[in-house]
Amino acid sequence: ITSKTLVNIALWFLLALFWANVWFFIL
């Protein structure tokens, strides 16, 4: 939440993909 640091670094993709879906739906 507060940085770009993740213990399981691969999981950033799930968060980014969630927001990509949200942004794209709105657009």
PDB file of all heavy atoms in Angstrom:
ATOM      1  N   ILE A   1       0.838  -1.207   0.000  1.00  0.00           N
ATOM      2  CA  ILE A   1       0.000   0.000   0.000  1.00  0.00           C
ATOM      3  C   ILE A   1       0.866   1.248   0.000  1.00  0.00           C
ATOM      4  O   ILE A   1       0.590   2.216  -0.719  1.00  0.00           O
ATOM      5  CB  ILE A   1      -0.941   0.019   1.225  1.00  0.00           C
ATOM      6  CG1 ILE A   1      -1.848  -1.215   1.223  1.00  0.00           C
ATOM      7  CG2 ILE A   1      -1.796   1.300   1.240  1.00  0.00           C
ATOM      8  CD1 ILE A   1      -2.729  -1.319   2.454  1.00  0.00           C
ATOM      9  N   THR A   2       1.916   1.222   0.776  1.00  0.00           N
ATOM     10  CA  THR A   2       2.725   2.421   0.979  1.00  0.00           C
ATOM     11  C   THR A   2       3.978   2.488   0.110  1.00  0.00           C
ATOM     12  O   THR A   2       4.696   3.468   0.137  1.00  0.00           O
ATOM     13  CB  THR A   2       3.163   2.499   2.452  1.00  0.00           C
ATOM     14  OG1 THR A   2       3.906   1.311   2.790  1.00  0.00           O
ATOM     15  CG2 THR A   2       1.951   2.589   3.375  1.00  0.00           C
ATOM     16  N   SER A   3       4.231   1.408  -0.676  1.00  0.00           N
ATOM     17  CA  SER A   3       5.430   1.399  -1.509  1.00  0.00           C
ATOM     18  C   SER A   3       5.234   0.411  -2.658  1.00  0.00           C
ATOM     19  O   SER A   3       4.160  -0.165  -2.820  1.00  0.00           O
ATOM     20  CB  SER A   3       6.657   0.995  -0.679  1.00  0.00           C
ATOM     21  OG  SER A   3       6.578  -0.374  -0.315  1.00  0.00           O
ATOM     22  N   LYS A   4       6.295   0.226  -3.437  1.00  0.00           N
ATOM     23  CA  LYS A   4       6.279  -0.765  -4.505  1.00  0.00           C
ATOM     24  C   LYS A   4       6.970  -2.051  -4.046  1.00  0.00           C
ATOM     25  O   LYS A   4       7.449  -2.834  -4.866  1.00  0.00           O
ATOM     26  CB  LYS A   4       7.004  -0.207  -5.735  1.00  0.00           C
ATOM     27  CG  LYS A   4       6.260   0.899  -6.448  1.00  0.00           C
ATOM     28  CD  LYS A   4       5.094   0.373  -7.255  1.00  0.00           C
ATOM     29  CE  LYS A   4       4.477   1.457  -8.117  1.00  0.00           C
ATOM     30  NZ  LYS A   4       3.308   0.947  -8.871  1.00  0.00           N
ATOM     31  N   THR A   5       7.003  -2.277  -2.740  1.00  0.00           N
ATOM     32  CA  THR A   5       7.673  -3.441  -2.176  1.00  0.00           C
ATOM     33  C   THR A   5       6.655  -4.523  -1.840  1.00  0.00           C
ATOM     34  O   THR A   5       5.643  -4.253  -1.193  1.00  0.00           O
ATOM     35  CB  THR A   5       8.440  -3.059  -0.892  1.00  0.00           C
ATOM     36  OG1 THR A   5       9.371  -2.018  -1.197  1.00  0.00           O
ATOM     37  CG2 THR A   5       9.189  -4.256  -0.338  1.00  0.00           C
ATOM     38  N   LEU A   6       6.925  -5.729  -2.307  1.00  0.00           N
ATOM     39  CA  LEU A   6       6.078  -6.880  -2.012  1.00  0.00           C
ATOM     40  C   LEU A   6       6.948  -8.060  -1.615  1.00  0.00           C
ATOM     41  O   LEU A   6       7.989  -8.300  -2.236  1.00  0.00           O
ATOM     42  CB  LEU A   6       5.251  -7.269  -3.245  1.00  0.00           C
ATOM     43  CG  LEU A   6       3.907  -6.579  -3.474  1.00  0.00           C
ATOM     44  CD1 LEU A   6       3.372  -6.959  -4.841  1.00  0.00           C
ATOM     45  CD2 LEU A   6       2.916  -6.969  -2.407  1.00  0.00           C
ATOM     46  N   VAL A   7       6.534  -8.790  -0.587  1.00  0.00           N
ATOM     47  CA  VAL A   7       7.268 -10.000  -0.209  1.00  0.00           C
ATOM     48  C   VAL A   7       7.157 -11.025  -1.328  1.00  0.00           C
ATOM     49  O   VAL A   7       8.142 -11.621  -1.749  1.00  0.00           O
ATOM     50  CB  VAL A   7       6.726 -10.560   1.121  1.00  0.00           C
ATOM     51  CG1 VAL A   7       7.266 -11.960   1.358  1.00  0.00           C
ATOM     52  CG2 VAL A   7       7.115  -9.651   2.273  1.00  0.00           C
ATOM     53  N   ASN A   8       5.949 -11.239  -1.827  1.00  0.00           N
ATOM     54  CA  ASN A   8       5.728 -12.106  -2.983  1.00  0.00           C
ATOM     55  C   ASN A   8       5.572 -11.194  -4.193  1.00  0.00           C
ATOM     56  O   ASN A   8       4.476 -10.777  -4.551  1.00  0.00           O
ATOM     57  CB  ASN A   8       4.477 -12.961  -2.775  1.00  0.00           C
ATOM     58  CG  ASN A   8       4.278 -13.990  -3.872  1.00  0.00           C
ATOM     59  OD1 ASN A   8       4.799 -13.852  -4.974  1.00  0.00           O
ATOM     60  ND2 ASN A   8       3.510 -15.033  -3.569  1.00  0.00           N
ATOM     61  N   ILE A   9       6.683 -10.867  -4.841  1.00  0.00           N
ATOM     62  CA  ILE A   9       6.725  -9.794  -5.826  1.00  0.00           C
ATOM     63  C   ILE A   9       5.819 -10.051  -7.026  1.00  0.00           C
ATOM     64  O   ILE A   9       5.317  -9.105  -7.652  1.00  0.00           O
ATOM     65  CB  ILE A   9       8.181  -9.548  -6.281  1.00  0.00           C
ATOM     66  CG1 ILE A   9       8.280  -8.271  -7.127  1.00  0.00           C
ATOM     67  CG2 ILE A   9       8.710 -10.750  -7.029  1.00  0.00           C
ATOM     68  CD1 ILE A   9       7.845  -7.023  -6.428  1.00  0.00           C
ATOM     69  N   ALA A  10       5.568 -11.315  -7.365  1.00  0.00           N
ATOM     70  CA  ALA A  10       4.755 -11.623  -8.548  1.00  0.00           C
ATOM     71  C   ALA A  10       3.306 -11.158  -8.389  1.00  0.00           C
ATOM     72  O   ALA A  10       2.599 -10.961  -9.380  1.00  0.00           O
ATOM     73  CB  ALA A  10       4.790 -13.124  -8.835  1.00  0.00           C
ATOM     74  N   LEU A  11       2.866 -10.959  -7.156  1.00  0.00           N
ATOM     75  CA  LEU A  11       1.464 -10.647  -6.905  1.00  0.00           C
ATOM     76  C   LEU A  11       1.078  -9.221  -7.290  1.00  0.00           C
ATOM     77  O   LEU A  11      -0.105  -8.887  -7.298  1.00  0.00           O
ATOM     78  CB  LEU A  11       1.127 -10.894  -5.427  1.00  0.00           C
ATOM     79  CG  LEU A  11       1.201 -12.354  -4.983  1.00  0.00           C
ATOM     80  CD1 LEU A  11       0.910 -12.474  -3.495  1.00  0.00           C
ATOM     81  CD2 LEU A  11       0.229 -13.218  -5.776  1.00  0.00           C
ATOM     82  N   TRP A  12       2.058  -8.368  -7.628  1.00  0.00           N
ATOM     83  CA  TRP A  12       1.707  -7.022  -8.074  1.00  0.00           C
ATOM     84  C   TRP A  12       0.788  -7.102  -9.291  1.00  0.00           C
ATOM     85  O   TRP A  12      -0.066  -6.228  -9.488  1.00  0.00           O
ATOM     86  CB  TRP A  12       2.971  -6.229  -8.436  1.00  0.00           C
ATOM     87  CG  TRP A  12       3.622  -6.658  -9.715  1.00  0.00           C
ATOM     88  CD1 TRP A  12       4.644  -7.542  -9.855  1.00  0.00           C
ATOM     89  CD2 TRP A  12       3.281  -6.244 -11.047  1.00  0.00           C
ATOM     90  NE1 TRP A  12       4.964  -7.718 -11.184  1.00  0.00           N
ATOM     91  CE2 TRP A  12       4.136  -6.927 -11.938  1.00  0.00           C
ATOM     92  CE3 TRP A  12       2.337  -5.364 -11.555  1.00  0.00           C
ATOM     93  CZ2 TRP A  12       4.066  -6.754 -13.316  1.00  0.00           C
ATOM     94  CZ3 TRP A  12       2.267  -5.191 -12.935  1.00  0.00           C
ATOM     95  CH2 TRP A  12       3.128  -5.881 -13.794  1.00  0.00           C
ATOM     96  N   PHE A  13       0.956  -8.157 -10.091  1.00  0.00           N
ATOM     97  CA  PHE A  13       0.181  -8.296 -11.320  1.00  0.00           C
ATOM     98  C   PHE A  13      -1.314  -8.384 -11.028  1.00  0.00           C
ATOM     99  O   PHE A  13      -2.132  -7.836 -11.770  1.00  0.00           O
ATOM    100  CB  PHE A  13       0.646  -9.537 -12.085  1.00  0.00           C
ATOM    101  CG  PHE A  13      -0.161  -9.812 -13.325  1.00  0.00           C
ATOM    102  CD1 PHE A  13      -0.101  -8.963 -14.413  1.00  0.00           C
ATOM    103  CD2 PHE A  13      -0.993 -10.922 -13.392  1.00  0.00           C
ATOM    104  CE1 PHE A  13      -0.852  -9.210 -15.554  1.00  0.00           C
ATOM    105  CE2 PHE A  13      -1.736 -11.184 -14.528  1.00  0.00           C
ATOM    106  CZ  PHE A  13      -1.674 -10.331 -15.620  1.00  0.00           C
ATOM    107  N   LEU A  14      -1.692  -9.069  -9.939  1.00  0.00           N
ATOM    108  CA  LEU A  14      -3.107  -9.205  -9.609  1.00  0.00           C
ATOM    109  C   LEU A  14      -3.717  -7.856  -9.260  1.00  0.00           C
ATOM    110  O   LEU A  14      -4.849  -7.546  -9.670  1.00  0.00           O
ATOM    111  CB  LEU A  14      -3.296 -10.192  -8.453  1.00  0.00           C
ATOM    112  CG  LEU A  14      -2.863 -11.634  -8.719  1.00  0.00           C
ATOM    113  CD1 LEU A  14      -3.163 -12.513  -7.516  1.00  0.00           C
ATOM    114  CD2 LEU A  14      -3.548 -12.184  -9.962  1.00  0.00           C
ATOM    115  N   LEU A  15      -2.986  -7.033  -8.504  1.00  0.00           N
ATOM    116  CA  LEU A  15      -3.484  -5.696  -8.159  1.00  0.00           C
ATOM    117  C   LEU A  15      -3.569  -4.816  -9.407  1.00  0.00           C
ATOM    118  O   LEU A  15      -4.576  -4.127  -9.626  1.00  0.00           O
ATOM    119  CB  LEU A  15      -2.573  -5.046  -7.121  1.00  0.00           C
ATOM    120  CG  LEU A  15      -2.572  -5.680  -5.725  1.00  0.00           C
ATOM    121  CD1 LEU A  15      -1.576  -4.960  -4.816  1.00  0.00           C
ATOM    122  CD2 LEU A  15      -3.964  -5.626  -5.100  1.00  0.00           C
ATOM    123  N   ALA A  16      -2.522  -4.835 -10.216  1.00  0.00           N
ATOM    124  CA  ALA A  16      -2.514  -4.021 -11.433  1.00  0.00           C
ATOM    125  C   ALA A  16      -3.625  -4.448 -12.379  1.00  0.00           C
ATOM    126  O   ALA A  16      -4.301  -3.605 -12.993  1.00  0.00           O
ATOM    127  CB  ALA A  16      -1.158  -4.126 -12.132  1.00  0.00           C
ATOM    128  N   LEU A  17      -3.845  -5.744 -12.500  1.00  0.00           N
ATOM    129  CA  LEU A  17      -4.890  -6.250 -13.385  1.00  0.00           C
ATOM    130  C   LEU A  17      -6.277  -5.874 -12.872  1.00  0.00           C
ATOM    131  O   LEU A  17      -7.178  -5.567 -13.674  1.00  0.00           O
ATOM    132  CB  LEU A  17      -4.775  -7.773 -13.504  1.00  0.00           C
ATOM    133  CG  LEU A  17      -5.715  -8.452 -14.493  1.00  0.00           C
ATOM    134  CD1 LEU A  17      -5.581  -7.850 -15.883  1.00  0.00           C
ATOM    135  CD2 LEU A  17      -5.445  -9.958 -14.533  1.00  0.00           C
ATOM    136  N   PHE A  18      -6.453  -5.875 -11.570  1.00  0.00           N
ATOM    137  CA  PHE A  18      -7.733  -5.433 -10.996  1.00  0.00           C
ATOM    138  C   PHE A  18      -8.025  -3.994 -11.402  1.00  0.00           C
ATOM    139  O   PHE A  18      -9.126  -3.674 -11.872  1.00  0.00           O
ATOM    140  CB  PHE A  18      -7.690  -5.555  -9.466  1.00  0.00           C
ATOM    141  CG  PHE A  18      -8.884  -4.935  -8.784  1.00  0.00           C
ATOM    142  CD1 PHE A  18     -10.089  -5.615  -8.716  1.00  0.00           C
ATOM    143  CD2 PHE A  18      -8.805  -3.663  -8.219  1.00  0.00           C
ATOM    144  CE1 PHE A  18     -11.195  -5.047  -8.099  1.00  0.00           C
ATOM    145  CE2 PHE A  18      -9.900  -3.083  -7.597  1.00  0.00           C
ATOM    146  CZ  PHE A  18     -11.102  -3.778  -7.536  1.00  0.00           C
ATOM    147  N   TRP A  19      -7.033  -3.120 -11.242  1.00  0.00           N
ATOM    148  CA  TRP A  19      -7.239  -1.711 -11.583  1.00  0.00           C
ATOM    149  C   TRP A  19      -7.375  -1.504 -13.076  1.00  0.00           C
ATOM    150  O   TRP A  19      -8.144  -0.635 -13.518  1.00  0.00           O
ATOM    151  CB  TRP A  19      -6.106  -0.860 -11.004  1.00  0.00           C
ATOM    152  CG  TRP A  19      -6.201  -0.752  -9.523  1.00  0.00           C
ATOM    153  CD1 TRP A  19      -5.351  -1.284  -8.597  1.00  0.00           C
ATOM    154  CD2 TRP A  19      -7.235  -0.097  -8.783  1.00  0.00           C
ATOM    155  NE1 TRP A  19      -5.785  -1.002  -7.337  1.00  0.00           N
ATOM    156  CE2 TRP A  19      -6.936  -0.270  -7.412  1.00  0.00           C
ATOM    157  CE3 TRP A  19      -8.384   0.608  -9.145  1.00  0.00           C
ATOM    158  CZ2 TRP A  19      -7.755   0.240  -6.402  1.00  0.00           C
ATOM    159  CZ3 TRP A  19      -9.198   1.118  -8.139  1.00  0.00           C
ATOM    160  CH2 TRP A  19      -8.882   0.942  -6.793  1.00  0.00           C
ATOM    161  N   ALA A  20      -6.679  -2.293 -13.878  1.00  0.00           N
ATOM    162  CA  ALA A  20      -6.839  -2.187 -15.328  1.00  0.00           C
ATOM    163  C   ALA A  20      -8.282  -2.498 -15.721  1.00  0.00           C
ATOM    164  O   ALA A  20      -8.870  -1.819 -16.578  1.00  0.00           O
ATOM    165  CB  ALA A  20      -5.881  -3.139 -16.037  1.00  0.00           C
ATOM    166  N   ASN A  21      -8.866  -3.504 -15.081  1.00  0.00           N
ATOM    167  CA  ASN A  21     -10.269  -3.836 -15.332  1.00  0.00           C
ATOM    168  C   ASN A  21     -11.198  -2.705 -14.916  1.00  0.00           C
ATOM    169  O   ASN A  21     -12.142  -2.362 -15.628  1.00  0.00           O
ATOM    170  CB  ASN A  21     -10.651  -5.117 -14.581  1.00  0.00           C
ATOM    171  CG  ASN A  21     -10.330  -6.379 -15.346  1.00  0.00           C
ATOM    172  OD1 ASN A  21     -11.105  -6.833 -16.185  1.00  0.00           O
ATOM    173  ND2 ASN A  21      -9.168  -6.957 -15.060  1.00  0.00           N
ATOM    174  N   VAL A  22     -10.922  -2.123 -13.747  1.00  0.00           N
ATOM    175  CA  VAL A  22     -11.765  -1.028 -13.243  1.00  0.00           C
ATOM    176  C   VAL A  22     -11.663   0.187 -14.152  1.00  0.00           C
ATOM    177  O   VAL A  22     -12.688   0.762 -14.565  1.00  0.00           O
ATOM    178  CB  VAL A  22     -11.362  -0.653 -11.800  1.00  0.00           C
ATOM    179  CG1 VAL A  22     -12.088   0.626 -11.352  1.00  0.00           C
ATOM    180  CG2 VAL A  22     -11.682  -1.806 -10.850  1.00  0.00           C
ATOM    181  N   TRP A  23     -10.415   0.614 -14.467  1.00  0.00           N
ATOM    182  CA  TRP A  23     -10.236   1.788 -15.327  1.00  0.00           C
ATOM    183  C   TRP A  23     -10.890   1.556 -16.686  1.00  0.00           C
ATOM    184  O   TRP A  23     -11.553   2.451 -17.225  1.00  0.00           O
ATOM    185  CB  TRP A  23      -8.748   2.088 -15.543  1.00  0.00           C
ATOM    186  CG  TRP A  23      -7.919   2.351 -14.335  1.00  0.00           C
ATOM    187  CD1 TRP A  23      -6.637   1.918 -14.110  1.00  0.00           C
ATOM    188  CD2 TRP A  23      -8.254   3.115 -13.164  1.00  0.00           C
ATOM    189  NE1 TRP A  23      -6.178   2.344 -12.897  1.00  0.00           N
ATOM    190  CE2 TRP A  23      -7.143   3.091 -12.288  1.00  0.00           C
ATOM    191  CE3 TRP A  23      -9.397   3.797 -12.758  1.00  0.00           C
ATOM    192  CZ2 TRP A  23      -7.135   3.718 -11.049  1.00  0.00           C
ATOM    193  CZ3 TRP A  23      -9.396   4.436 -11.523  1.00  0.00           C
ATOM    194  CH2 TRP A  23      -8.282   4.395 -10.692  1.00  0.00           C
ATOM    195  N   PHE A  24     -10.704   0.358 -17.235  1.00  0.00           N
ATOM    196  CA  PHE A  24     -11.223   0.082 -18.570  1.00  0.00           C
ATOM    197  C   PHE A  24     -12.752   0.034 -18.570  1.00  0.00           C
ATOM    198  O   PHE A  24     -13.389   0.514 -19.510  1.00  0.00           O
ATOM    199  CB  PHE A  24     -10.660  -1.236 -19.102  1.00  0.00           C
ATOM    200  CG  PHE A  24     -10.876  -1.422 -20.576  1.00  0.00           C
ATOM    201  CD1 PHE A  24     -10.137  -0.691 -21.494  1.00  0.00           C
ATOM    202  CD2 PHE A  24     -11.828  -2.309 -21.054  1.00  0.00           C
ATOM    203  CE1 PHE A  24     -10.341  -0.842 -22.860  1.00  0.00           C
ATOM    204  CE2 PHE A  24     -12.034  -2.474 -22.405  1.00  0.00           C
ATOM    205  CZ  PHE A  24     -11.289  -1.735 -23.312  1.00  0.00           C
ATOM    206  N   PHE A  25     -13.332  -0.518 -17.533  1.00  0.00           N
ATOM    207  CA  PHE A  25     -14.798  -0.550 -17.432  1.00  0.00           C
ATOM    208  C   PHE A  25     -15.357   0.869 -17.435  1.00  0.00           C
ATOM    209  O   PHE A  25     -16.324   1.173 -18.147  1.00  0.00           O
ATOM    210  CB  PHE A  25     -15.225  -1.278 -16.152  1.00  0.00           C
ATOM    211  CG  PHE A  25     -16.721  -1.369 -15.989  1.00  0.00           C
ATOM    212  CD1 PHE A  25     -17.413  -2.480 -16.466  1.00  0.00           C
ATOM    213  CD2 PHE A  25     -17.447  -0.349 -15.378  1.00  0.00           C
ATOM    214  CE1 PHE A  25     -18.788  -2.566 -16.333  1.00  0.00           C
ATOM    215  CE2 PHE A  25     -18.818  -0.427 -15.241  1.00  0.00           C
ATOM    216  CZ  PHE A  25     -19.494  -1.542 -15.724  1.00  0.00           C
ATOM    217  N   ILE A  26     -14.741   1.739 -16.626  1.00  0.00           N
ATOM    218  CA  ILE A  26     -15.206   3.127 -16.550  1.00  0.00           C
ATOM    219  C   ILE A  26     -15.079   3.809 -17.910  1.00  0.00           C
ATOM    220  O   ILE A  26     -16.002   4.506 -18.363  1.00  0.00           O
ATOM    221  CB  ILE A  26     -14.407   3.901 -15.472  1.00  0.00           C
ATOM    222  CG1 ILE A  26     -14.723   3.339 -14.082  1.00  0.00           C
ATOM    223  CG2 ILE A  26     -14.719   5.393 -15.531  1.00  0.00           C
ATOM    224  CD1 ILE A  26     -13.842   3.894 -12.991  1.00  0.00           C
ATOM    225  N   LEU A  27     -13.961   3.606 -18.582  1.00  0.00           N
ATOM    226  CA  LEU A  27     -13.742   4.242 -19.882  1.00  0.00           C
ATOM    227  C   LEU A  27     -14.753   3.771 -20.923  1.00  0.00           C
ATOM    228  O   LEU A  27     -15.259   4.570 -21.718  1.00  0.00           O
ATOM    229  CB  LEU A  27     -12.324   3.957 -20.376  1.00  0.00           C
ATOM    230  CG  LEU A  27     -11.194   4.693 -19.641  1.00  0.00           C
ATOM    231  CD1 LEU A  27      -9.844   4.184 -20.117  1.00  0.00           C
ATOM    232  CD2 LEU A  27     -11.297   6.196 -19.859  1.00  0.00           C
TER     233      LEU A  27
END
